[in-house]
Amino acid sequence: MANVVYNALKKNIMNGGIDLDSDTIKVALVTSSYTPDQDSDEDFADVTNEVSGTGYTAGGAELANKAVTADNTDDEGVFDADNVTWSSSSITARGAVIYKSTGTPANDLLIAYIDFGEDKVSSDGDFTITWDAEGILNLG
């Protein structure tokens, strides 16, 4: 599976429904049983197979120190934030779903799915997502 930018993000950026640097943006972990659908998945209620385990709270974690910048060298917009860690956790996850949180899953707008390439596991330790040096999301 590859990373996915949901079509809902493209629509919601254009109509002002998502502001990546000022809205509450969260990341939730999912198992290998979740298959993202770029076309029909629109809100967090469409996400299935969220992980559960010690140290993980349903709905995931809020992204801190979000920033949106222009990369004039690569001609793209860049969204980035701090890496995310679930401390002292026991989790098995295949990917991460990034979304705008409103507090109501049916209204939480999907942004992107990041595929880890394989199951990642923490056993009573830190589970950390280290974002790419180029940013979490690049739109060219």
N, C-alpha and C. Protein backbone atom coordinates (compact mmCIF):
# COMPACT_ATOMS: atom_id res chain seq x y z
N MET A 1 0.86 -1.18 0.00
CA MET A 1 0.00 0.00 0.00
C MET A 1 0.90 1.24 0.00
N ALA A 2 0.43 2.28 -0.58
CA ALA A 2 1.18 3.53 -0.65
C ALA A 2 0.50 4.59 0.21
N ASN A 3 1.21 5.67 0.43
CA ASN A 3 0.60 6.80 1.12
C ASN A 3 -0.55 7.34 0.27
N VAL A 4 -1.55 7.91 0.94
CA VAL A 4 -2.75 8.40 0.25
C VAL A 4 -3.06 9.81 0.73
N VAL A 5 -3.31 10.72 -0.21
CA VAL A 5 -3.91 12.01 0.11
C VAL A 5 -5.37 11.88 -0.28
N TYR A 6 -6.24 11.95 0.73
CA TYR A 6 -7.67 11.77 0.46
C TYR A 6 -8.19 12.91 -0.41
N ASN A 7 -9.08 12.57 -1.36
CA ASN A 7 -9.69 13.60 -2.20
C ASN A 7 -10.49 14.59 -1.36
N ALA A 8 -10.96 14.15 -0.22
CA ALA A 8 -11.70 15.05 0.68
C ALA A 8 -10.81 16.22 1.11
N LEU A 9 -9.51 15.97 1.30
CA LEU A 9 -8.60 17.07 1.66
C LEU A 9 -8.56 18.11 0.55
N LYS A 10 -8.42 17.64 -0.67
CA LYS A 10 -8.33 18.57 -1.79
C LYS A 10 -9.56 19.47 -1.86
N LYS A 11 -10.72 18.87 -1.68
CA LYS A 11 -11.97 19.64 -1.69
C LYS A 11 -12.01 20.61 -0.51
N ASN A 12 -11.67 20.10 0.68
CA ASN A 12 -11.80 20.92 1.88
C ASN A 12 -10.75 22.02 1.99
N ILE A 13 -9.60 21.85 1.36
CA ILE A 13 -8.63 22.94 1.30
C ILE A 13 -9.18 24.04 0.39
N MET A 14 -9.78 23.63 -0.72
CA MET A 14 -10.29 24.61 -1.68
C MET A 14 -11.50 25.37 -1.17
N ASN A 15 -12.32 24.73 -0.35
CA ASN A 15 -13.51 25.44 0.15
C ASN A 15 -13.32 26.01 1.54
N GLY A 16 -12.11 25.93 2.08
CA GLY A 16 -11.81 26.52 3.38
C GLY A 16 -12.21 25.65 4.56
N GLY A 17 -12.56 24.39 4.31
CA GLY A 17 -12.97 23.50 5.40
C GLY A 17 -11.83 23.02 6.28
N ILE A 18 -10.60 23.11 5.77
CA ILE A 18 -9.43 22.72 6.56
C ILE A 18 -8.39 23.81 6.47
N ASP A 19 -7.87 24.23 7.64
CA ASP A 19 -6.74 25.14 7.73
C ASP A 19 -5.67 24.39 8.50
N LEU A 20 -4.67 23.88 7.80
CA LEU A 20 -3.71 22.95 8.40
C LEU A 20 -2.90 23.53 9.56
N ASP A 21 -2.65 24.84 9.55
CA ASP A 21 -1.84 25.36 10.66
C ASP A 21 -2.64 25.93 11.81
N SER A 22 -3.95 26.11 11.65
CA SER A 22 -4.72 26.64 12.78
C SER A 22 -5.78 25.67 13.33
N ASP A 23 -6.24 24.71 12.51
CA ASP A 23 -7.21 23.73 13.00
C ASP A 23 -6.53 22.70 13.90
N THR A 24 -7.32 21.99 14.69
CA THR A 24 -6.80 20.87 15.48
C THR A 24 -6.59 19.69 14.54
N ILE A 25 -5.33 19.32 14.34
CA ILE A 25 -4.99 18.22 13.45
C ILE A 25 -4.44 17.08 14.31
N LYS A 26 -4.98 15.88 14.07
CA LYS A 26 -4.59 14.72 14.87
C LYS A 26 -4.06 13.61 13.97
N VAL A 27 -3.38 12.65 14.59
CA VAL A 27 -2.92 11.46 13.88
C VAL A 27 -3.36 10.25 14.68
N ALA A 28 -3.99 9.31 14.01
CA ALA A 28 -4.46 8.07 14.63
C ALA A 28 -3.74 6.90 13.96
N LEU A 29 -3.50 5.86 14.73
CA LEU A 29 -2.83 4.67 14.21
C LEU A 29 -3.86 3.62 13.82
N VAL A 30 -3.58 2.91 12.72
CA VAL A 30 -4.47 1.86 12.25
C VAL A 30 -3.67 0.58 11.99
N THR A 31 -4.40 -0.53 11.99
CA THR A 31 -3.79 -1.84 11.74
C THR A 31 -3.71 -2.09 10.24
N SER A 32 -3.10 -3.21 9.88
CA SER A 32 -2.99 -3.59 8.47
C SER A 32 -4.34 -3.94 7.86
N SER A 33 -5.37 -4.08 8.67
CA SER A 33 -6.71 -4.39 8.16
C SER A 33 -7.42 -3.18 7.57
N TYR A 34 -6.91 -1.97 7.82
CA TYR A 34 -7.52 -0.77 7.24
C TYR A 34 -6.99 -0.56 5.82
N THR A 35 -7.91 -0.41 4.89
CA THR A 35 -7.55 -0.09 3.51
C THR A 35 -8.14 1.28 3.18
N PRO A 36 -7.28 2.28 3.04
CA PRO A 36 -7.80 3.62 2.76
C PRO A 36 -8.39 3.69 1.36
N ASP A 37 -9.50 4.40 1.22
CA ASP A 37 -10.11 4.63 -0.08
C ASP A 37 -10.05 6.13 -0.37
N GLN A 38 -9.13 6.49 -1.24
CA GLN A 38 -8.88 7.89 -1.57
C GLN A 38 -10.14 8.62 -2.01
N ASP A 39 -11.03 7.89 -2.68
CA ASP A 39 -12.22 8.51 -3.24
C ASP A 39 -13.39 8.61 -2.28
N SER A 40 -13.65 7.54 -1.50
CA SER A 40 -14.88 7.54 -0.70
C SER A 40 -14.66 7.82 0.79
N ASP A 41 -13.46 7.63 1.32
CA ASP A 41 -13.22 7.98 2.73
C ASP A 41 -13.14 9.50 2.84
N GLU A 42 -14.03 10.06 3.66
CA GLU A 42 -14.08 11.52 3.80
C GLU A 42 -13.88 11.99 5.22
N ASP A 43 -14.38 11.23 6.19
CA ASP A 43 -14.28 11.66 7.58
C ASP A 43 -13.81 10.50 8.45
N PHE A 44 -13.47 10.81 9.69
CA PHE A 44 -12.87 9.80 10.56
C PHE A 44 -13.82 8.64 10.85
N ALA A 45 -15.11 8.87 10.70
CA ALA A 45 -16.07 7.77 10.86
C ALA A 45 -15.88 6.70 9.78
N ASP A 46 -15.23 7.04 8.66
CA ASP A 46 -14.96 6.07 7.60
C ASP A 46 -13.73 5.21 7.89
N VAL A 47 -12.96 5.58 8.90
CA VAL A 47 -11.73 4.85 9.22
C VAL A 47 -12.07 3.65 10.11
N THR A 48 -11.58 2.48 9.71
CA THR A 48 -11.80 1.26 10.48
C THR A 48 -10.47 0.75 11.00
N ASN A 49 -10.54 -0.15 11.96
CA ASN A 49 -9.37 -0.86 12.46
C ASN A 49 -8.32 0.05 13.10
N GLU A 50 -8.80 1.02 13.89
CA GLU A 50 -7.86 1.81 14.67
C GLU A 50 -7.22 0.89 15.72
N VAL A 51 -5.94 1.11 16.00
CA VAL A 51 -5.26 0.26 16.97
C VAL A 51 -5.83 0.49 18.37
N SER A 52 -5.56 -0.44 19.25
CA SER A 52 -5.83 -0.27 20.68
C SER A 52 -4.65 -0.88 21.40
N GLY A 53 -4.42 -0.43 22.59
CA GLY A 53 -3.31 -0.99 23.36
C GLY A 53 -2.89 -0.04 24.46
N THR A 54 -2.06 -0.53 25.33
CA THR A 54 -1.53 0.26 26.43
C THR A 54 -0.83 1.49 25.89
N GLY A 55 -1.15 2.64 26.45
CA GLY A 55 -0.49 3.89 26.07
C GLY A 55 -1.10 4.60 24.89
N TYR A 56 -2.14 4.01 24.27
CA TYR A 56 -2.78 4.62 23.12
C TYR A 56 -4.21 4.97 23.45
N THR A 57 -4.63 6.17 23.11
CA THR A 57 -6.00 6.62 23.32
C THR A 57 -6.71 6.70 21.98
N ALA A 58 -7.92 6.17 21.91
CA ALA A 58 -8.68 6.21 20.66
C ALA A 58 -8.74 7.63 20.12
N GLY A 59 -8.57 7.75 18.84
CA GLY A 59 -8.55 9.07 18.20
C GLY A 59 -7.15 9.58 17.99
N GLY A 60 -6.17 8.95 18.65
CA GLY A 60 -4.78 9.31 18.42
C GLY A 60 -4.30 10.51 19.20
N ALA A 61 -3.35 11.22 18.62
CA ALA A 61 -2.69 12.34 19.30
C ALA A 61 -2.76 13.60 18.44
N GLU A 62 -2.82 14.74 19.11
CA GLU A 62 -2.83 16.01 18.41
C GLU A 62 -1.42 16.36 17.95
N LEU A 63 -1.32 16.88 16.73
CA LEU A 63 -0.02 17.32 16.22
C LEU A 63 0.34 18.67 16.83
N ALA A 64 1.61 18.79 17.24
CA ALA A 64 2.10 20.02 17.88
C ALA A 64 3.03 20.77 16.92
N ASN A 65 3.04 22.07 17.08
CA ASN A 65 3.93 22.95 16.31
C ASN A 65 3.77 22.76 14.80
N LYS A 66 2.50 22.83 14.38
CA LYS A 66 2.18 22.69 12.96
C LYS A 66 2.67 23.92 12.20
N ALA A 67 3.07 23.67 10.94
CA ALA A 67 3.50 24.78 10.09
C ALA A 67 3.17 24.46 8.64
N VAL A 68 2.76 25.49 7.91
CA VAL A 68 2.55 25.39 6.47
C VAL A 68 3.49 26.39 5.83
N THR A 69 4.31 25.90 4.90
CA THR A 69 5.30 26.76 4.24
C THR A 69 5.27 26.53 2.74
N ALA A 70 5.93 27.44 2.01
CA ALA A 70 6.11 27.28 0.57
C ALA A 70 7.55 26.85 0.32
N ASP A 71 7.73 25.79 -0.45
CA ASP A 71 9.04 25.32 -0.86
C ASP A 71 9.21 25.75 -2.32
N ASN A 72 9.87 26.89 -2.52
CA ASN A 72 10.00 27.43 -3.88
C ASN A 72 10.99 26.65 -4.73
N THR A 73 11.88 25.89 -4.10
CA THR A 73 12.81 25.05 -4.86
C THR A 73 12.07 23.91 -5.54
N ASP A 74 11.19 23.24 -4.78
CA ASP A 74 10.43 22.10 -5.32
C ASP A 74 9.04 22.49 -5.80
N ASP A 75 8.71 23.77 -5.71
CA ASP A 75 7.41 24.29 -6.15
C ASP A 75 6.24 23.54 -5.51
N GLU A 76 6.22 23.51 -4.19
CA GLU A 76 5.15 22.81 -3.48
C GLU A 76 4.86 23.49 -2.15
N GLY A 77 3.65 23.24 -1.67
CA GLY A 77 3.30 23.63 -0.32
C GLY A 77 3.65 22.49 0.62
N VAL A 78 4.13 22.82 1.81
CA VAL A 78 4.60 21.80 2.76
C VAL A 78 3.86 21.96 4.09
N PHE A 79 3.32 20.86 4.58
CA PHE A 79 2.72 20.81 5.91
C PHE A 79 3.62 19.95 6.78
N ASP A 80 3.98 20.46 7.96
CA ASP A 80 4.85 19.73 8.86
C ASP A 80 4.43 19.99 10.30
N ALA A 81 4.91 19.14 11.19
CA ALA A 81 4.65 19.26 12.63
C ALA A 81 5.71 18.43 13.35
N ASP A 82 5.68 18.51 14.67
CA ASP A 82 6.62 17.72 15.47
C ASP A 82 6.33 16.23 15.30
N ASN A 83 7.37 15.41 15.47
CA ASN A 83 7.18 13.96 15.54
C ASN A 83 6.23 13.64 16.68
N VAL A 84 5.59 12.48 16.63
CA VAL A 84 4.60 12.09 17.64
C VAL A 84 5.08 10.82 18.33
N THR A 85 4.98 10.80 19.67
CA THR A 85 5.39 9.62 20.44
C THR A 85 4.30 9.23 21.41
N TRP A 86 3.99 7.94 21.42
CA TRP A 86 3.15 7.34 22.45
C TRP A 86 4.11 6.62 23.40
N SER A 87 4.29 7.19 24.58
CA SER A 87 5.28 6.65 25.53
C SER A 87 4.74 5.43 26.27
N SER A 88 5.65 4.56 26.67
CA SER A 88 5.31 3.36 27.46
C SER A 88 4.10 2.65 26.87
N SER A 89 4.16 2.41 25.58
CA SER A 89 3.00 1.84 24.89
C SER A 89 3.29 0.43 24.39
N SER A 90 2.21 -0.31 24.19
CA SER A 90 2.25 -1.61 23.54
C SER A 90 1.26 -1.56 22.39
N ILE A 91 1.79 -1.30 21.18
CA ILE A 91 0.98 -1.02 20.00
C ILE A 91 1.57 -1.77 18.80
N THR A 92 0.69 -2.25 17.94
CA THR A 92 1.10 -2.74 16.62
C THR A 92 0.29 -1.96 15.59
N ALA A 93 0.98 -1.22 14.71
CA ALA A 93 0.30 -0.38 13.71
C ALA A 93 0.96 -0.53 12.36
N ARG A 94 0.16 -0.44 11.32
CA ARG A 94 0.66 -0.49 9.95
C ARG A 94 0.72 0.89 9.31
N GLY A 95 -0.12 1.81 9.82
CA GLY A 95 -0.16 3.14 9.22
C GLY A 95 -0.77 4.17 10.13
N ALA A 96 -0.81 5.39 9.62
CA ALA A 96 -1.34 6.52 10.39
C ALA A 96 -2.31 7.31 9.53
N VAL A 97 -3.41 7.73 10.13
CA VAL A 97 -4.40 8.57 9.46
C VAL A 97 -4.33 9.96 10.08
N ILE A 98 -4.11 10.95 9.24
CA ILE A 98 -4.05 12.34 9.68
C ILE A 98 -5.39 12.98 9.34
N TYR A 99 -5.94 13.71 10.31
CA TYR A 99 -7.27 14.28 10.10
C TYR A 99 -7.48 15.54 10.93
N LYS A 100 -8.45 16.35 10.49
CA LYS A 100 -8.88 17.52 11.25
C LYS A 100 -9.89 17.05 12.28
N SER A 101 -9.61 17.30 13.55
CA SER A 101 -10.50 16.87 14.61
C SER A 101 -11.48 17.98 14.99
N THR A 102 -12.77 17.60 15.04
CA THR A 102 -13.80 18.52 15.51
C THR A 102 -14.40 18.00 16.82
N GLY A 103 -14.02 16.76 17.18
CA GLY A 103 -14.58 16.12 18.35
C GLY A 103 -15.73 15.19 18.03
N THR A 104 -16.19 15.21 16.78
CA THR A 104 -17.26 14.33 16.32
C THR A 104 -16.76 13.59 15.09
N PRO A 105 -16.53 12.26 15.19
CA PRO A 105 -15.92 11.53 14.07
C PRO A 105 -16.58 11.75 12.71
N ALA A 106 -17.89 11.88 12.68
CA ALA A 106 -18.57 12.09 11.40
C ALA A 106 -18.25 13.45 10.79
N ASN A 107 -17.70 14.36 11.60
CA ASN A 107 -17.33 15.69 11.11
C ASN A 107 -15.82 15.89 11.04
N ASP A 108 -15.03 14.88 11.43
CA ASP A 108 -13.57 14.97 11.43
C ASP A 108 -13.06 14.68 10.02
N LEU A 109 -12.53 15.68 9.36
CA LEU A 109 -12.19 15.59 7.94
C LEU A 109 -10.83 14.92 7.72
N LEU A 110 -10.80 13.92 6.83
CA LEU A 110 -9.57 13.20 6.56
C LEU A 110 -8.61 14.02 5.70
N ILE A 111 -7.32 13.83 5.98
CA ILE A 111 -6.26 14.53 5.26
C ILE A 111 -5.41 13.54 4.48
N ALA A 112 -4.77 12.61 5.18
CA ALA A 112 -3.85 11.68 4.51
C ALA A 112 -3.69 10.40 5.32
N TYR A 113 -3.27 9.37 4.60
CA TYR A 113 -2.90 8.09 5.22
C TYR A 113 -1.41 7.88 4.92
N ILE A 114 -0.66 7.58 5.97
CA ILE A 114 0.77 7.29 5.84
C ILE A 114 0.97 5.80 6.11
N ASP A 115 1.51 5.11 5.11
CA ASP A 115 1.75 3.67 5.22
C ASP A 115 3.18 3.45 5.74
N PHE A 116 3.31 2.68 6.82
CA PHE A 116 4.63 2.41 7.39
C PHE A 116 5.39 1.34 6.61
N GLY A 117 4.74 0.69 5.64
CA GLY A 117 5.41 -0.32 4.84
C GLY A 117 5.39 -1.71 5.44
N GLU A 118 5.23 -1.77 6.73
CA GLU A 118 5.13 -3.03 7.48
C GLU A 118 4.59 -2.70 8.86
N ASP A 119 4.16 -3.71 9.59
CA ASP A 119 3.70 -3.46 10.96
C ASP A 119 4.86 -2.96 11.80
N LYS A 120 4.61 -1.91 12.56
CA LYS A 120 5.56 -1.38 13.52
C LYS A 120 5.02 -1.71 14.90
N VAL A 121 5.92 -2.11 15.81
CA VAL A 121 5.49 -2.62 17.11
C VAL A 121 6.26 -1.93 18.23
N SER A 122 5.55 -1.58 19.28
CA SER A 122 6.20 -1.18 20.54
C SER A 122 5.67 -2.11 21.62
N SER A 123 6.55 -2.51 22.50
CA SER A 123 6.17 -3.39 23.61
C SER A 123 6.66 -2.77 24.90
N ASP A 124 5.75 -2.06 25.58
CA ASP A 124 6.08 -1.33 26.80
C ASP A 124 7.25 -0.38 26.56
N GLY A 125 7.18 0.31 25.41
CA GLY A 125 8.21 1.28 25.04
C GLY A 125 7.59 2.39 24.23
N ASP A 126 8.44 3.22 23.66
CA ASP A 126 7.96 4.35 22.86
C ASP A 126 7.58 3.90 21.46
N PHE A 127 6.43 4.36 20.99
CA PHE A 127 6.04 4.21 19.59
C PHE A 127 6.11 5.62 19.00
N THR A 128 7.04 5.85 18.09
CA THR A 128 7.27 7.19 17.56
C THR A 128 7.07 7.21 16.06
N ILE A 129 6.35 8.23 15.60
CA ILE A 129 6.29 8.52 14.17
C ILE A 129 7.27 9.65 13.93
N THR A 130 8.28 9.37 13.13
CA THR A 130 9.25 10.38 12.72
C THR A 130 8.89 10.79 11.30
N TRP A 131 8.40 12.00 11.17
CA TRP A 131 7.95 12.47 9.86
C TRP A 131 9.13 12.65 8.92
N ASP A 132 8.86 12.57 7.64
CA ASP A 132 9.89 12.76 6.62
C ASP A 132 10.50 14.15 6.75
N ALA A 133 11.79 14.26 6.45
CA ALA A 133 12.49 15.54 6.55
C ALA A 133 11.88 16.59 5.61
N GLU A 134 11.21 16.15 4.53
CA GLU A 134 10.56 17.07 3.59
C GLU A 134 9.20 17.52 4.09
N GLY A 135 8.73 16.98 5.23
CA GLY A 135 7.42 17.35 5.77
C GLY A 135 6.45 16.18 5.76
N ILE A 136 5.34 16.38 6.42
CA ILE A 136 4.31 15.34 6.50
C ILE A 136 3.57 15.22 5.17
N LEU A 137 3.28 16.35 4.58
CA LEU A 137 2.48 16.39 3.35
C LEU A 137 3.04 17.46 2.44
N ASN A 138 3.26 17.09 1.19
CA ASN A 138 3.76 18.04 0.19
C ASN A 138 2.78 18.04 -0.98
N LEU A 139 2.28 19.20 -1.31
CA LEU A 139 1.34 19.34 -2.44
C LEU A 139 1.98 20.22 -3.51
N GLY A 140 2.16 19.63 -4.68
CA GLY A 140 2.81 20.36 -5.78
C GLY A 140 1.85 20.75 -6.85
